[in-house]
Amino acid sequence: MGPGETIALLIVVGMPMLMMIMWTRSHFRYKEKQLEAETSLAAEKAAQYAASNAELEARVRVLEKIVTDGGIETAAQIEALRTPRLAQGDKVQ
């Protein structure tokens, strides 16, 4: 095998292999960035759900207190819960 054949072999085999390696690297970089974006979006959604869940848990605790306490305090607690809503602009029906 002479030097010409070696150069031809490198061109025919080596160049496509280099192109394939370069394409694979860029493809994996793209996929990695895509996964990072999806991960940050999922983390953001999880934080929103956690905040919403904490708010709902607090409201349930208040409702449990109202149900387990009795009599006169119940009406005052219900009115105390309505007051912030009126401040936000909700109408009383």
Protein backbone atom coordinates (compact mmCIF):
# COMPACT_ATOMS: atom_id res chain seq x y z
CA MET A 1 0.00 0.00 0.00
CA GLY A 2 1.54 3.26 -1.13
CA PRO A 3 1.28 6.77 0.27
CA GLY A 4 -1.42 7.71 -2.26
CA GLU A 5 -3.62 4.80 -1.26
CA THR A 6 -3.13 5.64 2.43
CA ILE A 7 -4.18 9.26 1.85
CA ALA A 8 -7.17 8.11 -0.21
CA LEU A 9 -8.18 5.69 2.56
CA LEU A 10 -7.92 8.45 5.15
CA ILE A 11 -10.10 10.71 3.00
CA VAL A 12 -12.69 8.02 2.24
CA VAL A 13 -12.88 6.52 5.75
CA GLY A 14 -11.41 9.13 8.09
CA MET A 15 -13.36 12.18 6.95
CA PRO A 16 -16.82 10.59 7.34
CA MET A 17 -15.81 9.25 10.74
CA LEU A 18 -14.67 12.71 11.87
CA MET A 19 -17.90 14.23 10.58
CA MET A 20 -19.91 11.58 12.41
CA ILE A 21 -18.01 12.19 15.66
CA MET A 22 -18.54 15.95 15.38
CA TRP A 23 -22.26 15.50 14.67
CA THR A 24 -22.65 13.08 17.60
CA ARG A 25 -20.97 15.50 20.00
CA SER A 26 -23.15 18.40 18.92
CA HIS A 27 -26.25 16.21 19.12
CA PHE A 28 -25.45 15.15 22.67
CA ARG A 29 -24.71 18.76 23.69
CA TYR A 30 -28.12 19.75 22.29
CA LYS A 31 -29.85 16.91 24.15
CA GLU A 32 -28.06 17.87 27.38
CA LYS A 33 -29.25 21.48 27.10
CA GLN A 34 -32.75 20.25 26.36
CA LEU A 35 -32.73 18.05 29.48
CA GLU A 36 -31.43 20.92 31.61
CA ALA A 37 -34.29 23.14 30.39
CA GLU A 38 -36.86 20.42 31.12
CA THR A 39 -35.33 19.85 34.57
CA SER A 40 -35.49 23.52 35.51
CA LEU A 41 -39.10 23.70 34.30
CA ALA A 42 -40.01 20.63 36.35
CA ALA A 43 -38.29 22.09 39.42
CA GLU A 44 -40.20 25.35 38.99
CA LYS A 45 -43.50 23.49 38.72
CA ALA A 46 -42.65 21.42 41.79
CA ALA A 47 -41.96 24.59 43.77
CA GLN A 48 -45.30 26.04 42.67
CA TYR A 49 -47.11 22.86 43.69
CA ALA A 50 -45.33 22.84 47.05
CA ALA A 51 -46.34 26.44 47.74
CA SER A 52 -49.91 25.70 46.73
CA ASN A 53 -49.92 22.55 48.85
CA ALA A 54 -48.62 24.44 51.91
CA GLU A 55 -51.35 27.05 51.48
CA LEU A 56 -54.03 24.38 51.26
CA GLU A 57 -52.65 22.59 54.32
CA ALA A 58 -52.82 25.82 56.32
CA ARG A 59 -56.44 26.34 55.28
CA VAL A 60 -57.33 22.76 56.22
CA ARG A 61 -55.71 23.25 59.65
CA VAL A 62 -57.86 26.33 60.20
CA LEU A 63 -60.96 24.44 59.13
CA GLU A 64 -60.09 21.55 61.44
CA LYS A 65 -59.76 23.99 64.34
CA ILE A 66 -63.12 25.52 63.51
CA VAL A 67 -64.80 22.13 63.38
CA THR A 68 -63.25 20.85 66.61
CA ASP A 69 -63.78 24.08 68.57
CA GLY A 70 -67.30 24.86 69.54
CA GLY A 71 -70.00 27.47 69.72
CA ILE A 72 -69.31 31.19 69.87
CA GLU A 73 -65.74 31.03 68.63
CA THR A 74 -66.83 29.35 65.40
CA ALA A 75 -68.79 32.34 64.10
CA ALA A 76 -65.91 34.71 64.91
CA GLN A 77 -63.40 32.48 63.12
CA ILE A 78 -65.61 32.19 60.04
CA GLU A 79 -65.95 35.96 59.90
CA ALA A 80 -62.18 36.33 60.33
CA LEU A 81 -61.68 34.09 57.30
CA ARG A 82 -64.10 36.16 55.21
CA THR A 83 -62.51 39.50 56.07
CA PRO A 84 -59.35 39.08 53.92
CA ARG A 85 -61.48 38.12 50.94
CA LEU A 86 -63.53 41.29 51.26
CA ALA A 87 -60.29 43.27 51.31
CA GLN A 88 -59.28 41.65 48.00
CA GLY A 89 -62.45 42.89 46.31
CA ASP A 90 -64.73 39.84 46.52
CA LYS A 91 -68.41 40.63 46.86
CA VAL A 92 -70.60 39.25 49.63
CA GLN A 93 -73.56 37.30 48.31
